[in-house]
C-alpha atoms as a PDB file:
ATOM      1  CA  MET A   1     102.705 162.774 126.272  1.00  0.00           C
ATOM      2  CA  SER A   2      99.676 162.189 128.461  1.00  0.00           C
ATOM      3  CA  THR A   3      98.501 158.732 129.515  1.00  0.00           C
ATOM      4  CA  ARG A   4      95.308 159.182 127.532  1.00  0.00           C
ATOM      5  CA  ARG A   5      97.217 159.981 124.313  1.00  0.00           C
ATOM      6  CA  SER A   6      99.523 157.016 124.890  1.00  0.00           C
ATOM      7  CA  ILE A   7      96.539 154.686 125.285  1.00  0.00           C
ATOM      8  CA  LEU A   8      94.866 156.082 122.149  1.00  0.00           C
ATOM      9  CA  LEU A   9      98.099 155.809 120.150  1.00  0.00           C
ATOM     10  CA  GLY A  10      98.688 152.235 121.375  1.00  0.00           C
ATOM     11  CA  THR A  11      95.108 151.231 120.545  1.00  0.00           C
ATOM     12  CA  GLY A  12      95.374 152.791 117.093  1.00  0.00           C
ATOM     13  CA  LEU A  13      98.621 150.974 116.346  1.00  0.00           C
ATOM     14  CA  LEU A  14      97.098 147.702 117.568  1.00  0.00           C
ATOM     15  CA  LEU A  15      94.105 148.148 115.232  1.00  0.00           C
ATOM     16  CA  VAL A  16      96.389 148.912 112.281  1.00  0.00           C
ATOM     17  CA  GLY A  17      98.412 145.768 113.052  1.00  0.00           C
ATOM     18  CA  ILE A  18      95.266 143.645 113.213  1.00  0.00           C
ATOM     19  CA  LEU A  19      93.983 145.033 109.884  1.00  0.00           C
ATOM     20  CA  VAL A  20      97.347 144.419 108.179  1.00  0.00           C
ATOM     21  CA  GLY A  21      97.380 140.863 109.574  1.00  0.00           C
ATOM     22  CA  VAL A  22      93.855 140.155 108.319  1.00  0.00           C
ATOM     23  CA  ALA A  23      94.694 141.548 104.868  1.00  0.00           C
ATOM     24  CA  GLY A  24      97.830 139.406 104.748  1.00  0.00           C
ATOM     25  CA  ALA A  25      95.903 136.291 105.746  1.00  0.00           C
ATOM     26  CA  GLN A  26      93.366 136.866 102.960  1.00  0.00           C
ATOM     27  CA  ALA A  27      96.181 137.154 100.396  1.00  0.00           C
ATOM     28  CA  LEU A  28      97.732 133.862 101.542  1.00  0.00           C
ATOM     29  CA  GLN A  29      98.183 131.376  98.742  1.00  0.00           C
ATOM     30  CA  VAL A  30      97.797 127.675  99.302  1.00  0.00           C
ATOM     31  CA  THR A  31      99.871 125.208  97.321  1.00  0.00           C
ATOM     32  CA  ARG A  32      98.708 121.627  97.084  1.00  0.00           C
ATOM     33  CA  TYR A  33     100.762 118.693  95.863  1.00  0.00           C
ATOM     34  CA  LEU A  34      99.341 115.500  94.353  1.00  0.00           C
ATOM     35  CA  ASN A  35     101.664 112.488  94.179  1.00  0.00           C
ATOM     36  CA  THR A  36     101.276 108.865  93.196  1.00  0.00           C
ATOM     37  CA  GLY A  37     103.579 105.972  93.781  1.00  0.00           C
ATOM     38  CA  LEU A  38     105.160 104.083  90.908  1.00  0.00           C
ATOM     39  CA  PHE A  39     102.740 102.427  88.458  1.00  0.00           C
ATOM     40  CA  THR A  40     103.184 100.569  85.178  1.00  0.00           C
ATOM     41  CA  VAL A  41     101.804 101.413  81.745  1.00  0.00           C
ATOM     42  CA  GLY A  42     102.087  98.347  79.529  1.00  0.00           C
ATOM     43  CA  LYS A  43     102.317  97.928  75.776  1.00  0.00           C
ATOM     44  CA  GLY A  44      99.015  98.981  74.199  1.00  0.00           C
ATOM     45  CA  GLU A  45      98.106 101.191  77.204  1.00  0.00           C
ATOM     46  CA  GLY A  46      98.072 104.921  77.829  1.00  0.00           C
ATOM     47  CA  LEU A  47      97.503 107.131  80.844  1.00  0.00           C
ATOM     48  CA  ASP A  48      95.383 110.168  81.632  1.00  0.00           C
ATOM     49  CA  PHE A  49      96.395 112.260  84.651  1.00  0.00           C
ATOM     50  CA  HIS A  50      93.402 114.396  85.706  1.00  0.00           C
ATOM     51  CA  VAL A  51      93.394 117.316  88.176  1.00  0.00           C
ATOM     52  CA  SER A  52      90.151 119.082  89.166  1.00  0.00           C
ATOM     53  CA  ILE A  53      89.206 122.022  91.383  1.00  0.00           C
ATOM     54  CA  ASP A  54      85.957 121.346  93.245  1.00  0.00           C
ATOM     55  CA  ASP A  55      84.635 124.703  94.396  1.00  0.00           C
ATOM     56  CA  GLN A  56      81.827 127.176  93.863  1.00  0.00           C
ATOM     57  CA  ARG A  57      81.898 128.580  90.307  1.00  0.00           C
ATOM     58  CA  ALA A  58      82.770 132.039  91.657  1.00  0.00           C
ATOM     59  CA  GLY A  59      85.910 130.624  93.322  1.00  0.00           C
ATOM     60  CA  GLN A  60      89.425 131.707  92.446  1.00  0.00           C
ATOM     61  CA  PRO A  61      91.324 130.021  89.573  1.00  0.00           C
ATOM     62  CA  ALA A  62      94.411 127.889  90.204  1.00  0.00           C
ATOM     63  CA  ARG A  63      97.652 127.288  88.319  1.00  0.00           C
ATOM     64  CA  VAL A  64      98.323 123.575  87.800  1.00  0.00           C
ATOM     65  CA  VAL A  65     101.710 122.117  86.856  1.00  0.00           C
ATOM     66  CA  MET A  66     101.402 118.416  86.003  1.00  0.00           C
ATOM     67  CA  ARG A  67     104.408 116.139  85.516  1.00  0.00           C
ATOM     68  CA  ILE A  68     104.962 112.474  84.773  1.00  0.00           C
ATOM     69  CA  PHE A  69     108.291 111.072  86.008  1.00  0.00           C
ATOM     70  CA  ASP A  70     109.923 107.829  84.923  1.00  0.00           C
ATOM     71  CA  ARG A  71     111.271 105.349  87.474  1.00  0.00           C
ATOM     72  CA  PHE A  72     114.597 107.251  87.563  1.00  0.00           C
ATOM     73  CA  GLY A  73     112.995 110.624  88.382  1.00  0.00           C
ATOM     74  CA  ALA A  74     113.319 112.189  84.929  1.00  0.00           C
ATOM     75  CA  VAL A  75     110.382 114.278  83.687  1.00  0.00           C
ATOM     76  CA  VAL A  76     108.964 112.519  80.604  1.00  0.00           C
ATOM     77  CA  SER A  77     105.822 114.633  80.148  1.00  0.00           C
ATOM     78  CA  GLU A  78     104.709 118.001  81.531  1.00  0.00           C
ATOM     79  CA  ASP A  79     101.873 120.487  81.125  1.00  0.00           C
ATOM     80  CA  THR A  80     100.857 123.736  82.821  1.00  0.00           C
ATOM     81  CA  ALA A  81      97.314 125.107  82.868  1.00  0.00           C
ATOM     82  CA  THR A  82      95.239 127.690  84.687  1.00  0.00           C
ATOM     83  CA  ILE A  83      91.844 126.269  85.542  1.00  0.00           C
ATOM     84  CA  GLN A  84      88.763 127.906  86.980  1.00  0.00           C
ATOM     85  CA  ALA A  85      86.854 126.602  89.970  1.00  0.00           C
ATOM     86  CA  GLY A  86      84.828 123.585  88.876  1.00  0.00           C
ATOM     87  CA  GLU A  87      87.102 122.799  85.917  1.00  0.00           C
ATOM     88  CA  SER A  88      89.586 120.003  85.196  1.00  0.00           C
ATOM     89  CA  THR A  89      92.750 119.553  83.168  1.00  0.00           C
ATOM     90  CA  THR A  90      94.298 116.358  81.783  1.00  0.00           C
ATOM     91  CA  LEU A  91      97.805 115.251  80.819  1.00  0.00           C
ATOM     92  CA  ARG A  92      97.777 112.253  78.426  1.00  0.00           C
ATOM     93  CA  MET A  93     100.646 109.936  77.589  1.00  0.00           C
ATOM     94  CA  SER A  94     100.823 106.622  75.740  1.00  0.00           C
ATOM     95  CA  ASP A  95     104.372 105.294  76.107  1.00  0.00           C
ATOM     96  CA  PRO A  96     104.861 102.035  78.042  1.00  0.00           C
ATOM     97  CA  GLY A  97     106.993 102.217  81.175  1.00  0.00           C
ATOM     98  CA  ASP A  98     107.042 102.680  84.936  1.00  0.00           C
ATOM     99  CA  TYR A  99     105.880 106.128  86.041  1.00  0.00           C
ATOM    100  CA  ARG A 100     104.707 108.291  88.875  1.00  0.00           C
ATOM    101  CA  ALA A 101     102.494 111.369  88.583  1.00  0.00           C
ATOM    102  CA  HIS A 102     102.980 114.709  90.364  1.00  0.00           C
ATOM    103  CA  ALA A 103     101.003 117.947  90.284  1.00  0.00           C
ATOM    104  CA  GLN A 104     101.521 121.286  91.974  1.00  0.00           C
ATOM    105  CA  VAL A 105      98.328 123.316  92.324  1.00  0.00           C
ATOM    106  CA  VAL A 106      98.734 126.967  93.378  1.00  0.00           C
ATOM    107  CA  ASP A 107      95.564 128.856  94.297  1.00  0.00           C
ATOM    108  CA  SER A 108      95.251 132.485  93.230  1.00  0.00           C
ATOM    109  CA  PRO A 109      95.522 134.979  96.094  1.00  0.00           C
ATOM    110  CA  GLY A 110      92.236 135.841  97.713  1.00  0.00           C
ATOM    111  CA  PRO A 111      89.648 134.273  99.946  1.00  0.00           C
ATOM    112  CA  GLN A 112      88.853 130.607  99.340  1.00  0.00           C
ATOM    113  CA  SER A 113      85.617 128.839 100.181  1.00  0.00           C
ATOM    114  CA  GLU A 114      85.580 126.095 102.815  1.00  0.00           C
ATOM    115  CA  ARG A 115      84.271 123.733 100.136  1.00  0.00           C
ATOM    116  CA  ARG A 116      87.357 124.054  97.906  1.00  0.00           C
ATOM    117  CA  GLN A 117      89.154 120.779  97.215  1.00  0.00           C
ATOM    118  CA  VAL A 118      91.752 119.625  94.744  1.00  0.00           C
ATOM    119  CA  LEU A 119      91.097 116.176  93.278  1.00  0.00           C
ATOM    120  CA  GLY A 120      93.259 114.000  91.119  1.00  0.00           C
ATOM    121  CA  MET A 121      93.296 110.613  89.426  1.00  0.00           C
ATOM    122  CA  VAL A 122      95.412 108.638  87.002  1.00  0.00           C
ATOM    123  CA  GLU A 123      93.552 106.339  84.617  1.00  0.00           C
ATOM    124  CA  VAL A 124      95.488 103.653  82.744  1.00  0.00           C
ATOM    125  CA  PHE A 125      93.510 102.725  79.640  1.00  0.00           C
ATOM    126  CA  ASN A 126      93.625 100.367  76.660  1.00  0.00           C
ATOM    127  CA  ILE A 127      94.669 102.378  73.588  1.00  0.00           C
ATOM    128  CA  ASP A 128      92.612 100.256  71.178  1.00  0.00           C
ATOM    129  CA  ASP A 129      89.176 100.592  72.788  1.00  0.00           C
ATOM    130  CA  LEU A 130      89.817 103.294  75.452  1.00  0.00           C
ATOM    131  CA  THR A 131      88.488 101.060  78.255  1.00  0.00           C
ATOM    132  CA  ILE A 132      89.954 101.896  81.642  1.00  0.00           C
ATOM    133  CA  ASP A 133      92.157  99.099  82.953  1.00  0.00           C
ATOM    134  CA  ARG A 134      92.895 100.614  86.387  1.00  0.00           C
ATOM    135  CA  THR A 135      92.900 103.866  88.352  1.00  0.00           C
ATOM    136  CA  ILE A 136      95.490 105.314  90.709  1.00  0.00           C
ATOM    137  CA  CYS A 137      94.519 107.947  93.269  1.00  0.00           C
ATOM    138  CA  PRO A 138      97.257 110.350  94.392  1.00  0.00           C
ATOM    139  CA  GLN A 139      97.904 111.552  97.914  1.00  0.00           C
ATOM    140  CA  ILE A 140      97.185 115.253  98.368  1.00  0.00           C
ATOM    141  CA  HIS A 141      99.236 117.529 100.632  1.00  0.00           C
ATOM    142  CA  ASP A 142      98.444 121.182 101.452  1.00  0.00           C
ATOM    143  CA  GLU A 143     101.141 123.719 102.212  1.00  0.00           C
ATOM    144  CA  PRO A 144     100.598 127.415 102.992  1.00  0.00           C
ATOM    145  CA  GLN A 145     102.779 129.622 100.820  1.00  0.00           C
ATOM    146  CA  THR A 146     103.616 133.088 102.115  1.00  0.00           C
ATOM    147  CA  GLY A 147     105.538 134.505  99.177  1.00  0.00           C
ATOM    148  CA  ASN A 148     108.925 133.902 100.834  1.00  0.00           C
ATOM    149  CA  ARG A 149     109.325 130.659  98.930  1.00  0.00           C
ATOM    150  CA  PRO A 150     110.648 130.407  95.363  1.00  0.00           C
END
């Protein structure tokens, strides 16, 4: 094989590798986790755990798994929803106890805007008049997911 053909073949293979890499990067999913510390819901109180996707309306949807754990780590309430960019979902509970909230938010494959953010909040409210007694803001962690994870 001539040097010229070798250079052309090498350049072609390099371009194919770059295109495959770019396509793979665009299909990368991002998983975000929202977690609170332990908080108390007293007698006569309830909680709303809200998760929102702040993004342009044309943005990709996300799958949201929301869980409330008791102080021993047992799941006491759970909900799964698919929400569109700009939308929110809420998990409500009204049993007294000590809890922590957790959500896993998995973006759909595809390009994401730089504006995209996941937001969350827990509101503890008075059941009788629905006034908010206190709010808890979760920490948010991003983790790239390549499809090799369960």
